[in-house]
């Protein structure tokens, strides 16, 4: 049987990657914390169900994103989503791709925390042209 974290993560990513952030919002705990990977223009700590909408809006301001799903893994206490993500700058059209993961924890039937990580620490430098 799938863990609570796994089931909620399936619902969250179905909405978030499927273009319906309200579906993703519905499975977030009132005290949910979302922390995207560091080094991003939208890095930070987002709290509460509206956080997914706020984060999505910040990303949409500057980038289009293509997600390639590499699987969702049930680790019992938490779930791990593996992805390949391509960001394309709306300013200059440059694209950069990285692999990453999001760790998802649940509490009281809702997602309480999402932590994002990516492998390319220079990703956003590449998009603005500062990378070697």
Foldseek 3Di string as FASTA:
>chain_A
DFALQQVLVVQLCCCLQVVNNVSNLVQADQFAWEAAAPLDPLGDIAGGSCSSVVSVVVLVVFWDKDKDWPDWAGPHQKIKTKIKMWTATPVPRDIDIWIWMWIWGDDPSGTRYIYIHTDDSCGVVVNVVNDD
